[in-house]
Amino acid sequence: MPRRLMTVLLAALAIGVGLDAAADQRTLALDPARTSVDFTLGATLHTVHGSAPLTRGVVVFDPGGGAASGEIVVDTRATNTGNAKRDRDMHTKVLVSDRHPTVVLRPRHVAGRLPPTGAATLTVHGTIELLGREHEVSVLVEVIVDGTEVAIRAEFEVPYVAWGLEDPSKLLLKVDPFVIVTVAAEGTLSAAGVSAALPSSAQDQSEP
């Protein structure tokens, strides 16, 4: 077989595999208006409750193989606990939100089966970027699928002191070295775009 013909066949096979993979992918787009990100910090005198808004959240994943990508981004500048002085200290000393305005969850793998409809519990493996550093996490996520609509809920601990953030404890006030984060979100599920699986050269050729 001529080398040129072999090259063409191999390229066609690679594109075909890419198309099959893309056909199996799903995209979950979270709606910031229907998403809440809350956190709880235990302390000796009282428990601090706070929240932060979702800026955007898009996750592309393969229901069969589990590979995932995308970003779930939270705006640290709008983090609020309802106490002006405490919030000022939190932003300037702990979150340093003027220099690090976001916290980003980047999924890498989803373990478990997403049903066509009904409830399931999945495990999302990935990283959280906090103050410019990435940390490995595994989060249990409860999912309810209703057609193209998806509701999710997750609760997990963030060991912020171990991750390099300042410990806000004082002489008479001790706080936990971790916060409990609770995410409740709704979004839409759709098929991922086929073009994402094509090499750039193939995409260029497909354009008019």
N, C-alpha and C. Protein backbone atom coordinates (compact mmCIF):
# COMPACT_ATOMS: atom_id res chain seq x y z
N MET A 1 0.85 -1.20 0.00
CA MET A 1 0.00 0.00 0.00
C MET A 1 0.89 1.24 0.00
N PRO A 2 0.64 2.19 -0.92
CA PRO A 2 1.45 3.41 -0.96
C PRO A 2 1.40 4.14 0.38
N ARG A 3 2.54 4.75 0.73
CA ARG A 3 2.64 5.43 2.02
C ARG A 3 1.61 6.54 2.14
N ARG A 4 1.35 7.29 1.06
CA ARG A 4 0.40 8.40 1.12
C ARG A 4 -1.00 7.89 1.44
N LEU A 5 -1.39 6.75 0.81
CA LEU A 5 -2.71 6.19 1.06
C LEU A 5 -2.82 5.71 2.50
N MET A 6 -1.74 5.08 3.00
CA MET A 6 -1.73 4.63 4.40
C MET A 6 -1.91 5.80 5.35
N THR A 7 -1.23 6.92 5.08
CA THR A 7 -1.34 8.11 5.93
C THR A 7 -2.76 8.63 5.95
N VAL A 8 -3.42 8.67 4.77
CA VAL A 8 -4.78 9.16 4.68
C VAL A 8 -5.73 8.26 5.47
N LEU A 9 -5.54 6.93 5.36
CA LEU A 9 -6.41 6.00 6.08
C LEU A 9 -6.25 6.13 7.59
N LEU A 10 -5.00 6.26 8.05
CA LEU A 10 -4.77 6.43 9.48
C LEU A 10 -5.38 7.71 9.99
N ALA A 11 -5.27 8.78 9.23
CA ALA A 11 -5.87 10.06 9.63
C ALA A 11 -7.38 9.95 9.70
N ALA A 12 -7.99 9.25 8.73
CA ALA A 12 -9.44 9.08 8.73
C ALA A 12 -9.88 8.26 9.94
N LEU A 13 -9.10 7.22 10.25
CA LEU A 13 -9.43 6.39 11.42
C LEU A 13 -9.36 7.21 12.69
N ALA A 14 -8.32 8.05 12.84
CA ALA A 14 -8.17 8.88 14.04
C ALA A 14 -9.34 9.84 14.19
N ILE A 15 -9.75 10.44 13.06
CA ILE A 15 -10.89 11.37 13.12
C ILE A 15 -12.16 10.62 13.48
N GLY A 16 -12.30 9.40 12.93
CA GLY A 16 -13.50 8.61 13.24
C GLY A 16 -13.58 8.27 14.72
N VAL A 17 -12.45 7.90 15.31
CA VAL A 17 -12.43 7.62 16.75
C VAL A 17 -12.78 8.87 17.54
N GLY A 18 -12.26 10.01 17.10
CA GLY A 18 -12.57 11.27 17.78
C GLY A 18 -14.04 11.59 17.71
N LEU A 19 -14.67 11.34 16.55
CA LEU A 19 -16.10 11.60 16.40
C LEU A 19 -16.92 10.70 17.32
N ASP A 20 -16.53 9.41 17.42
CA ASP A 20 -17.25 8.50 18.30
C ASP A 20 -17.14 8.96 19.74
N ALA A 21 -15.93 9.39 20.16
CA ALA A 21 -15.74 9.84 21.54
C ALA A 21 -16.57 11.07 21.82
N ALA A 22 -16.60 12.00 20.86
CA ALA A 22 -17.36 13.22 21.06
C ALA A 22 -18.84 12.94 21.12
N ALA A 23 -19.31 11.92 20.33
CA ALA A 23 -20.73 11.59 20.33
C ALA A 23 -21.18 11.09 21.69
N ASP A 24 -20.28 10.47 22.44
CA ASP A 24 -20.61 9.94 23.75
C ASP A 24 -20.53 10.99 24.85
N GLN A 25 -19.90 12.11 24.59
CA GLN A 25 -19.70 13.12 25.62
C GLN A 25 -20.99 13.88 25.94
N ARG A 26 -21.05 14.36 27.17
CA ARG A 26 -22.17 15.19 27.61
C ARG A 26 -21.61 16.48 28.21
N THR A 27 -22.38 17.53 28.10
CA THR A 27 -22.01 18.81 28.69
C THR A 27 -23.05 19.20 29.73
N LEU A 28 -22.58 19.47 30.94
CA LEU A 28 -23.44 19.97 32.01
C LEU A 28 -23.13 21.45 32.21
N ALA A 29 -24.12 22.29 31.97
CA ALA A 29 -23.97 23.74 32.16
C ALA A 29 -24.79 24.15 33.37
N LEU A 30 -24.11 24.62 34.42
CA LEU A 30 -24.80 25.04 35.63
C LEU A 30 -25.32 26.46 35.47
N ASP A 31 -26.47 26.71 36.05
CA ASP A 31 -27.10 28.03 36.00
C ASP A 31 -26.73 28.80 37.28
N PRO A 32 -25.93 29.87 37.18
CA PRO A 32 -25.56 30.62 38.39
C PRO A 32 -26.76 31.12 39.19
N ALA A 33 -27.85 31.44 38.50
CA ALA A 33 -29.04 31.94 39.19
C ALA A 33 -29.73 30.85 40.02
N ARG A 34 -29.46 29.60 39.70
CA ARG A 34 -30.07 28.48 40.42
C ARG A 34 -29.02 27.67 41.19
N THR A 35 -27.92 28.33 41.52
CA THR A 35 -26.83 27.66 42.22
C THR A 35 -26.47 28.41 43.48
N SER A 36 -26.29 27.69 44.56
CA SER A 36 -25.81 28.29 45.81
C SER A 36 -24.56 27.56 46.27
N VAL A 37 -23.58 28.35 46.71
CA VAL A 37 -22.34 27.81 47.27
C VAL A 37 -22.22 28.38 48.68
N ASP A 38 -22.46 27.55 49.67
CA ASP A 38 -22.45 27.98 51.07
C ASP A 38 -21.31 27.29 51.82
N PHE A 39 -20.86 27.93 52.88
CA PHE A 39 -19.81 27.31 53.69
C PHE A 39 -20.08 27.54 55.17
N THR A 40 -19.57 26.61 55.98
CA THR A 40 -19.73 26.67 57.43
C THR A 40 -18.36 26.51 58.07
N LEU A 41 -18.07 27.40 59.02
CA LEU A 41 -16.79 27.37 59.73
C LEU A 41 -17.07 27.30 61.22
N GLY A 42 -16.66 26.21 61.84
CA GLY A 42 -16.87 26.04 63.27
C GLY A 42 -15.91 26.88 64.08
N ALA A 43 -16.39 27.43 65.21
CA ALA A 43 -15.57 28.27 66.09
C ALA A 43 -15.96 28.00 67.53
N THR A 44 -15.12 28.46 68.46
CA THR A 44 -15.37 28.20 69.88
C THR A 44 -16.61 28.94 70.39
N LEU A 45 -16.85 30.15 69.90
CA LEU A 45 -17.97 30.95 70.41
C LEU A 45 -19.22 30.84 69.55
N HIS A 46 -19.04 30.60 68.26
CA HIS A 46 -20.19 30.50 67.37
C HIS A 46 -19.75 29.86 66.06
N THR A 47 -20.73 29.50 65.26
CA THR A 47 -20.46 28.93 63.94
C THR A 47 -20.70 29.99 62.88
N VAL A 48 -19.74 30.14 62.00
CA VAL A 48 -19.84 31.14 60.94
C VAL A 48 -20.44 30.51 59.70
N HIS A 49 -21.46 31.18 59.15
CA HIS A 49 -22.08 30.74 57.91
C HIS A 49 -21.83 31.80 56.84
N GLY A 50 -21.50 31.35 55.64
CA GLY A 50 -21.25 32.30 54.56
C GLY A 50 -21.63 31.72 53.21
N SER A 51 -21.48 32.55 52.19
CA SER A 51 -21.81 32.11 50.84
C SER A 51 -20.96 32.86 49.84
N ALA A 52 -20.90 32.30 48.63
CA ALA A 52 -20.19 32.94 47.52
C ALA A 52 -20.93 32.60 46.24
N PRO A 53 -21.00 33.53 45.29
CA PRO A 53 -21.76 33.26 44.07
C PRO A 53 -20.96 32.46 43.04
N LEU A 54 -21.69 31.67 42.27
CA LEU A 54 -21.08 30.96 41.14
C LEU A 54 -20.96 31.92 39.97
N THR A 55 -19.75 32.03 39.42
CA THR A 55 -19.53 32.84 38.23
C THR A 55 -19.93 32.09 36.97
N ARG A 56 -19.43 30.86 36.85
CA ARG A 56 -19.80 30.01 35.73
C ARG A 56 -19.47 28.57 36.09
N GLY A 57 -20.12 27.64 35.40
CA GLY A 57 -19.85 26.23 35.64
C GLY A 57 -20.23 25.39 34.44
N VAL A 58 -19.24 24.84 33.77
CA VAL A 58 -19.46 23.96 32.62
C VAL A 58 -18.55 22.73 32.77
N VAL A 59 -19.14 21.56 32.68
CA VAL A 59 -18.38 20.31 32.80
C VAL A 59 -18.69 19.44 31.59
N VAL A 60 -17.66 19.01 30.89
CA VAL A 60 -17.79 18.07 29.77
C VAL A 60 -17.26 16.73 30.24
N PHE A 61 -18.05 15.65 30.06
CA PHE A 61 -17.62 14.36 30.57
C PHE A 61 -18.10 13.24 29.66
N ASP A 62 -17.41 12.12 29.78
CA ASP A 62 -17.72 10.91 29.03
C ASP A 62 -18.42 9.95 29.97
N PRO A 63 -19.73 9.70 29.79
CA PRO A 63 -20.44 8.81 30.70
C PRO A 63 -19.89 7.39 30.71
N GLY A 64 -19.25 6.98 29.62
CA GLY A 64 -18.71 5.63 29.57
C GLY A 64 -17.35 5.50 30.21
N GLY A 65 -16.41 6.33 29.77
CA GLY A 65 -15.05 6.24 30.28
C GLY A 65 -14.78 7.05 31.52
N GLY A 66 -15.57 8.10 31.75
CA GLY A 66 -15.42 8.89 32.96
C GLY A 66 -14.53 10.10 32.85
N ALA A 67 -13.80 10.25 31.73
CA ALA A 67 -12.93 11.42 31.58
C ALA A 67 -13.77 12.69 31.60
N ALA A 68 -13.24 13.74 32.23
CA ALA A 68 -13.99 14.99 32.37
C ALA A 68 -13.06 16.19 32.24
N SER A 69 -13.65 17.32 31.91
CA SER A 69 -12.93 18.57 31.83
C SER A 69 -13.91 19.70 32.11
N GLY A 70 -13.39 20.92 32.14
CA GLY A 70 -14.24 22.07 32.40
C GLY A 70 -13.84 22.80 33.66
N GLU A 71 -14.65 23.77 34.03
CA GLU A 71 -14.36 24.58 35.21
C GLU A 71 -15.65 24.98 35.91
N ILE A 72 -15.61 24.97 37.24
CA ILE A 72 -16.66 25.53 38.07
C ILE A 72 -16.00 26.64 38.87
N VAL A 73 -16.42 27.88 38.62
CA VAL A 73 -15.72 29.06 39.13
C VAL A 73 -16.59 29.82 40.12
N VAL A 74 -16.01 30.11 41.28
CA VAL A 74 -16.69 30.87 42.34
C VAL A 74 -15.97 32.20 42.53
N ASP A 75 -16.75 33.26 42.72
CA ASP A 75 -16.22 34.61 42.88
C ASP A 75 -15.90 34.86 44.36
N THR A 76 -14.61 34.86 44.71
CA THR A 76 -14.24 35.07 46.11
C THR A 76 -14.46 36.51 46.56
N ARG A 77 -14.45 37.45 45.62
CA ARG A 77 -14.63 38.86 45.99
C ARG A 77 -16.01 39.14 46.55
N ALA A 78 -16.97 38.29 46.20
CA ALA A 78 -18.34 38.48 46.68
C ALA A 78 -18.68 37.53 47.84
N THR A 79 -17.67 36.87 48.39
CA THR A 79 -17.89 36.00 49.55
C THR A 79 -18.36 36.83 50.73
N ASN A 80 -19.38 36.33 51.43
CA ASN A 80 -20.04 37.14 52.46
C ASN A 80 -20.45 36.27 53.63
N THR A 81 -20.21 36.75 54.86
CA THR A 81 -20.65 36.04 56.06
C THR A 81 -21.66 36.84 56.88
N GLY A 82 -21.99 38.05 56.41
CA GLY A 82 -22.97 38.86 57.11
C GLY A 82 -22.40 39.74 58.21
N ASN A 83 -21.07 39.78 58.34
CA ASN A 83 -20.44 40.62 59.35
C ASN A 83 -19.34 41.42 58.64
N ALA A 84 -19.48 42.74 58.61
CA ALA A 84 -18.59 43.58 57.81
C ALA A 84 -17.13 43.46 58.24
N LYS A 85 -16.88 43.51 59.55
CA LYS A 85 -15.48 43.43 60.02
C LYS A 85 -14.89 42.06 59.72
N ARG A 86 -15.65 41.03 59.99
CA ARG A 86 -15.16 39.67 59.73
C ARG A 86 -14.90 39.47 58.24
N ASP A 87 -15.82 40.00 57.41
CA ASP A 87 -15.64 39.86 55.97
C ASP A 87 -14.41 40.60 55.48
N ARG A 88 -14.14 41.76 56.06
CA ARG A 88 -12.96 42.53 55.68
C ARG A 88 -11.69 41.75 56.00
N ASP A 89 -11.65 41.16 57.18
CA ASP A 89 -10.48 40.35 57.55
C ASP A 89 -10.36 39.11 56.66
N MET A 90 -11.51 38.50 56.35
CA MET A 90 -11.50 37.31 55.51
C MET A 90 -10.94 37.61 54.12
N HIS A 91 -11.34 38.74 53.55
CA HIS A 91 -10.91 39.09 52.20
C HIS A 91 -9.44 39.52 52.17
N THR A 92 -9.00 40.25 53.19
CA THR A 92 -7.64 40.78 53.16
C THR A 92 -6.61 39.79 53.69
N LYS A 93 -6.96 38.98 54.69
CA LYS A 93 -5.98 38.12 55.34
C LYS A 93 -6.06 36.65 54.94
N VAL A 94 -7.26 36.16 54.64
CA VAL A 94 -7.42 34.73 54.37
C VAL A 94 -7.55 34.45 52.87
N LEU A 95 -8.58 34.99 52.25
CA LEU A 95 -8.81 34.73 50.83
C LEU A 95 -7.93 35.57 49.91
N VAL A 96 -7.47 36.71 50.42
CA VAL A 96 -6.66 37.63 49.60
C VAL A 96 -7.35 37.81 48.24
N SER A 97 -8.63 38.17 48.30
CA SER A 97 -9.46 38.14 47.10
C SER A 97 -9.13 39.23 46.08
N ASP A 98 -8.40 40.27 46.50
CA ASP A 98 -8.01 41.28 45.51
C ASP A 98 -6.99 40.72 44.53
N ARG A 99 -6.15 39.77 44.98
CA ARG A 99 -5.16 39.14 44.10
C ARG A 99 -5.60 37.79 43.57
N HIS A 100 -6.54 37.15 44.27
CA HIS A 100 -7.04 35.84 43.87
C HIS A 100 -8.57 35.89 43.87
N PRO A 101 -9.16 36.44 42.82
CA PRO A 101 -10.61 36.70 42.81
C PRO A 101 -11.49 35.48 42.58
N THR A 102 -10.90 34.32 42.33
CA THR A 102 -11.72 33.14 42.07
C THR A 102 -11.17 31.90 42.77
N VAL A 103 -12.08 30.97 43.03
CA VAL A 103 -11.73 29.60 43.39
C VAL A 103 -12.28 28.73 42.27
N VAL A 104 -11.46 27.82 41.74
CA VAL A 104 -11.85 27.07 40.56
C VAL A 104 -11.75 25.56 40.82
N LEU A 105 -12.86 24.87 40.59
CA LEU A 105 -12.86 23.41 40.62
C LEU A 105 -12.74 22.91 39.18
N ARG A 106 -11.73 22.07 38.93
CA ARG A 106 -11.51 21.51 37.60
C ARG A 106 -11.66 19.99 37.67
N PRO A 107 -12.77 19.45 37.20
CA PRO A 107 -12.96 18.00 37.22
C PRO A 107 -12.06 17.31 36.23
N ARG A 108 -11.57 16.12 36.58
CA ARG A 108 -10.72 15.34 35.70
C ARG A 108 -11.33 13.96 35.39
N HIS A 109 -12.10 13.45 36.32
CA HIS A 109 -12.70 12.12 36.13
C HIS A 109 -13.98 12.03 36.96
N VAL A 110 -14.99 11.39 36.37
CA VAL A 110 -16.26 11.17 37.07
C VAL A 110 -16.47 9.66 37.19
N ALA A 111 -16.56 9.17 38.42
CA ALA A 111 -16.77 7.74 38.67
C ALA A 111 -18.24 7.51 39.02
N GLY A 112 -18.83 6.51 38.39
CA GLY A 112 -20.24 6.23 38.62
C GLY A 112 -21.02 6.38 37.32
N ARG A 113 -22.24 5.92 37.34
CA ARG A 113 -23.07 5.94 36.13
C ARG A 113 -24.15 7.01 36.25
N LEU A 114 -24.19 7.89 35.28
CA LEU A 114 -25.24 8.89 35.22
C LEU A 114 -26.46 8.29 34.52
N PRO A 115 -27.60 8.17 35.22
CA PRO A 115 -28.77 7.53 34.59
C PRO A 115 -29.45 8.47 33.60
N PRO A 116 -30.19 7.91 32.63
CA PRO A 116 -30.95 8.77 31.71
C PRO A 116 -32.04 9.56 32.44
N THR A 117 -32.51 9.02 33.55
CA THR A 117 -33.45 9.73 34.41
C THR A 117 -33.38 9.13 35.80
N GLY A 118 -33.66 9.95 36.82
CA GLY A 118 -33.61 9.46 38.18
C GLY A 118 -32.39 9.94 38.95
N ALA A 119 -32.13 9.30 40.09
CA ALA A 119 -31.08 9.75 41.00
C ALA A 119 -29.86 8.84 40.97
N ALA A 120 -28.72 9.41 41.28
CA ALA A 120 -27.48 8.64 41.37
C ALA A 120 -26.49 9.41 42.22
N THR A 121 -25.47 8.70 42.71
CA THR A 121 -24.37 9.32 43.43
C THR A 121 -23.08 9.08 42.66
N LEU A 122 -22.41 10.15 42.28
CA LEU A 122 -21.18 10.06 41.52
C LEU A 122 -20.02 10.58 42.36
N THR A 123 -18.81 10.22 41.99
CA THR A 123 -17.62 10.76 42.63
C THR A 123 -16.82 11.53 41.59
N VAL A 124 -16.62 12.79 41.87
CA VAL A 124 -15.87 13.65 40.96
C VAL A 124 -14.45 13.82 41.49
N HIS A 125 -13.48 13.43 40.69
CA HIS A 125 -12.07 13.61 41.02
C HIS A 125 -11.52 14.78 40.21
N GLY A 126 -10.75 15.63 40.87
CA GLY A 126 -10.19 16.77 40.15
C GLY A 126 -9.32 17.60 41.06
N THR A 127 -9.25 18.88 40.77
CA THR A 127 -8.44 19.80 41.57
C THR A 127 -9.24 21.04 41.90
N ILE A 128 -8.88 21.66 43.01
CA ILE A 128 -9.40 22.98 43.38
C ILE A 128 -8.23 23.95 43.40
N GLU A 129 -8.36 25.03 42.66
CA GLU A 129 -7.34 26.08 42.67
C GLU A 129 -7.73 27.13 43.69
N LEU A 130 -6.89 27.32 44.68
CA LEU A 130 -7.13 28.27 45.77
C LEU A 130 -5.85 29.03 46.04
N LEU A 131 -5.91 30.35 45.95
CA LEU A 131 -4.74 31.22 46.09
C LEU A 131 -3.63 30.83 45.12
N GLY A 132 -4.03 30.47 43.91
CA GLY A 132 -3.06 30.17 42.88
C GLY A 132 -2.44 28.79 42.95
N ARG A 133 -2.86 27.96 43.90
CA ARG A 133 -2.31 26.62 44.04
C ARG A 133 -3.42 25.59 43.82
N GLU A 134 -3.07 24.48 43.17
CA GLU A 134 -4.05 23.44 42.91
C GLU A 134 -3.90 22.30 43.91
N HIS A 135 -5.05 21.79 44.36
CA HIS A 135 -5.08 20.72 45.35
C HIS A 135 -6.02 19.62 44.87
N GLU A 136 -5.58 18.38 45.03
CA GLU A 136 -6.39 17.24 44.60
C GLU A 136 -7.60 17.07 45.53
N VAL A 137 -8.76 16.77 44.93
CA VAL A 137 -9.97 16.53 45.71
C VAL A 137 -10.77 15.40 45.08
N SER A 138 -11.58 14.77 45.91
CA SER A 138 -12.59 13.80 45.46
C SER A 138 -13.88 14.16 46.18
N VAL A 139 -14.93 14.40 45.41
CA VAL A 139 -16.18 14.91 45.97
C VAL A 139 -17.33 14.00 45.57
N LEU A 140 -18.11 13.57 46.57
CA LEU A 140 -19.34 12.82 46.29
C LEU A 140 -20.42 13.81 45.86
N VAL A 141 -21.08 13.51 44.75
CA VAL A 141 -22.09 14.40 44.20
C VAL A 141 -23.39 13.63 44.01
N GLU A 142 -24.46 14.11 44.63
CA GLU A 142 -25.79 13.52 44.42
C GLU A 142 -26.42 14.21 43.21
N VAL A 143 -26.91 13.40 42.27
CA VAL A 143 -27.43 13.91 41.02
C VAL A 143 -28.85 13.42 40.80
N ILE A 144 -29.71 14.31 40.32
CA ILE A 144 -31.06 13.93 39.90
C ILE A 144 -31.25 14.42 38.46
N VAL A 145 -31.55 13.48 37.56
CA VAL A 145 -31.72 13.80 36.14
C VAL A 145 -33.20 13.72 35.79
N ASP A 146 -33.69 14.76 35.13
CA ASP A 146 -35.07 14.80 34.66
C ASP A 146 -35.07 15.37 33.24
N GLY A 147 -34.92 14.48 32.26
CA GLY A 147 -34.79 14.94 30.89
C GLY A 147 -33.46 15.65 30.70
N THR A 148 -33.51 16.90 30.25
CA THR A 148 -32.28 17.68 30.09
C THR A 148 -31.96 18.50 31.34
N GLU A 149 -32.82 18.44 32.34
CA GLU A 149 -32.59 19.19 33.57
C GLU A 149 -31.87 18.32 34.59
N VAL A 150 -30.89 18.91 35.25
CA VAL A 150 -30.09 18.18 36.25
C VAL A 150 -30.00 19.01 37.52
N ALA A 151 -30.21 18.36 38.65
CA ALA A 151 -30.00 18.99 39.96
C ALA A 151 -28.88 18.23 40.67
N ILE A 152 -27.95 18.97 41.27
CA ILE A 152 -26.85 18.32 41.98
C ILE A 152 -26.72 18.90 43.38
N ARG A 153 -26.17 18.08 44.27
CA ARG A 153 -25.86 18.54 45.62
C ARG A 153 -24.58 17.85 46.06
N ALA A 154 -23.70 18.63 46.67
CA ALA A 154 -22.43 18.08 47.14
C ALA A 154 -22.04 18.79 48.43
N GLU A 155 -21.40 18.05 49.32
CA GLU A 155 -20.87 18.63 50.57
C GLU A 155 -19.50 18.03 50.81
N PHE A 156 -18.53 18.89 51.07
CA PHE A 156 -17.16 18.41 51.26
C PHE A 156 -16.38 19.39 52.12
N GLU A 157 -15.26 18.91 52.67
CA GLU A 157 -14.41 19.74 53.52
C GLU A 157 -13.26 20.33 52.71
N VAL A 158 -12.94 21.57 53.02
CA VAL A 158 -11.77 22.23 52.45
C VAL A 158 -10.81 22.55 53.60
N PRO A 159 -9.68 21.85 53.69
CA PRO A 159 -8.72 22.10 54.78
C PRO A 159 -7.86 23.32 54.46
N TYR A 160 -8.46 24.49 54.60
CA TYR A 160 -7.83 25.72 54.09
C TYR A 160 -6.49 26.03 54.78
N VAL A 161 -6.35 25.70 56.04
CA VAL A 161 -5.09 25.97 56.74
C VAL A 161 -3.98 25.07 56.18
N ALA A 162 -4.29 23.79 56.01
CA ALA A 162 -3.30 22.86 55.44
C ALA A 162 -2.95 23.24 54.01
N TRP A 163 -3.87 23.93 53.34
CA TRP A 163 -3.63 24.35 51.95
C TRP A 163 -2.90 25.69 51.86
N GLY A 164 -2.51 26.24 53.01
CA GLY A 164 -1.66 27.43 52.98
C GLY A 164 -2.35 28.74 53.26
N LEU A 165 -3.66 28.73 53.57
CA LEU A 165 -4.34 29.97 53.91
C LEU A 165 -4.08 30.32 55.37
N GLU A 166 -4.23 31.58 55.71
CA GLU A 166 -3.97 32.03 57.08
C GLU A 166 -5.02 31.49 58.03
N ASP A 167 -4.58 31.07 59.21
CA ASP A 167 -5.48 30.62 60.27
C ASP A 167 -6.01 31.85 60.99
N PRO A 168 -7.33 32.10 60.93
CA PRO A 168 -7.89 33.29 61.58
C PRO A 168 -8.08 33.18 63.08
N SER A 169 -7.66 32.07 63.69
CA SER A 169 -7.80 31.91 65.13
C SER A 169 -7.05 33.00 65.89
N LYS A 170 -7.63 33.43 66.99
CA LYS A 170 -7.01 34.42 67.85
C LYS A 170 -6.87 33.85 69.26
N LEU A 171 -6.38 34.66 70.19
CA LEU A 171 -6.09 34.19 71.54
C LEU A 171 -7.31 33.54 72.19
N LEU A 172 -8.45 34.21 72.12
CA LEU A 172 -9.67 33.71 72.77
C LEU A 172 -10.65 33.11 71.78
N LEU A 173 -10.32 33.13 70.53
CA LEU A 173 -11.23 32.60 69.51
C LEU A 173 -10.48 31.58 68.66
N LYS A 174 -10.92 30.35 68.74
CA LYS A 174 -10.34 29.29 67.94
C LYS A 174 -11.36 28.84 66.89
N VAL A 175 -10.89 28.69 65.67
CA VAL A 175 -11.77 28.24 64.60
C VAL A 175 -11.23 26.95 64.01
N ASP A 176 -12.09 26.19 63.38
CA ASP A 176 -11.68 24.95 62.76
C ASP A 176 -10.70 25.22 61.61
N PRO A 177 -9.75 24.32 61.38
CA PRO A 177 -8.80 24.52 60.27
C PRO A 177 -9.37 24.08 58.93
N PHE A 178 -10.66 23.87 58.87
CA PHE A 178 -11.32 23.48 57.63
C PHE A 178 -12.71 24.13 57.58
N VAL A 179 -13.22 24.29 56.38
CA VAL A 179 -14.60 24.75 56.20
C VAL A 179 -15.37 23.65 55.49
N ILE A 180 -16.66 23.58 55.79
CA ILE A 180 -17.54 22.63 55.11
C ILE A 180 -18.27 23.40 54.01
N VAL A 181 -18.09 22.98 52.79
CA VAL A 181 -18.70 23.65 51.64
C VAL A 181 -19.88 22.81 51.15
N THR A 182 -21.01 23.49 50.93
CA THR A 182 -22.21 22.83 50.40
C THR A 182 -22.61 23.50 49.10
N VAL A 183 -22.75 22.70 48.07
CA VAL A 183 -23.14 23.21 46.76
C VAL A 183 -24.48 22.59 46.37
N ALA A 184 -25.43 23.43 46.03
CA ALA A 184 -26.72 22.99 45.49
C ALA A 184 -26.92 23.73 44.17
N ALA A 185 -27.06 22.98 43.09
CA ALA A 185 -27.08 23.61 41.78
C ALA A 185 -28.07 22.92 40.85
N GLU A 186 -28.50 23.69 39.86
CA GLU A 186 -29.33 23.15 38.79
C GLU A 186 -28.74 23.59 37.46
N GLY A 187 -28.93 22.77 36.45
CA GLY A 187 -28.40 23.11 35.14
C GLY A 187 -29.01 22.25 34.06
N THR A 188 -28.43 22.33 32.88
CA THR A 188 -28.95 21.59 31.73
C THR A 188 -27.88 20.66 31.18
N LEU A 189 -28.35 19.52 30.67
CA LEU A 189 -27.48 18.50 30.13
C LEU A 189 -27.69 18.42 28.62
N SER A 190 -26.59 18.39 27.88
CA SER A 190 -26.69 18.32 26.43
C SER A 190 -25.52 17.53 25.87
N ALA A 191 -25.60 17.19 24.57
CA ALA A 191 -24.49 16.51 23.91
C ALA A 191 -23.37 17.50 23.67
N ALA A 192 -22.11 17.05 23.88
CA ALA A 192 -20.96 17.92 23.64
C ALA A 192 -20.79 18.15 22.15
N GLY A 193 -20.19 19.29 21.79
CA GLY A 193 -19.96 19.61 20.39
C GLY A 193 -18.94 18.67 19.75
N VAL A 194 -19.23 18.22 18.53
CA VAL A 194 -18.34 17.29 17.83
C VAL A 194 -17.02 17.95 17.48
N SER A 195 -17.02 19.25 17.21
CA SER A 195 -15.80 19.92 16.77
C SER A 195 -14.68 19.85 17.79
N ALA A 196 -15.05 19.68 19.08
CA ALA A 196 -14.02 19.63 20.12
C ALA A 196 -13.15 18.39 19.99
N ALA A 197 -13.66 17.34 19.31
CA ALA A 197 -12.89 16.10 19.19
C ALA A 197 -12.03 16.07 17.94
N LEU A 198 -12.19 17.03 17.04
CA LEU A 198 -11.44 17.03 15.79
C LEU A 198 -10.11 17.73 15.94
N PRO A 199 -9.05 17.25 15.27
CA PRO A 199 -7.79 17.99 15.23
C PRO A 199 -8.02 19.35 14.60
N SER A 200 -7.17 20.32 14.92
CA SER A 200 -7.35 21.67 14.41
C SER A 200 -7.33 21.72 12.89
N SER A 201 -6.49 20.87 12.26
CA SER A 201 -6.41 20.87 10.81
C SER A 201 -7.71 20.40 10.19
N ALA A 202 -8.36 19.38 10.83
CA ALA A 202 -9.62 18.89 10.32
C ALA A 202 -10.71 19.93 10.47
N GLN A 203 -10.69 20.69 11.60
CA GLN A 203 -11.66 21.74 11.80
C GLN A 203 -11.49 22.83 10.74
N ASP A 204 -10.25 23.16 10.42
CA ASP A 204 -10.01 24.17 9.41
C ASP A 204 -10.57 23.75 8.06
N GLN A 205 -10.42 22.45 7.72
CA GLN A 205 -10.90 21.97 6.44
C GLN A 205 -12.41 21.93 6.39
N SER A 206 -13.07 21.77 7.56
CA SER A 206 -14.52 21.67 7.57
C SER A 206 -15.17 23.04 7.46
N GLU A 207 -14.39 24.12 7.69
CA GLU A 207 -14.96 25.46 7.61
C GLU A 207 -15.11 25.88 6.17
N PRO A 208 -16.20 26.64 5.82
CA PRO A 208 -16.39 27.06 4.44
C PRO A 208 -15.32 28.06 4.02
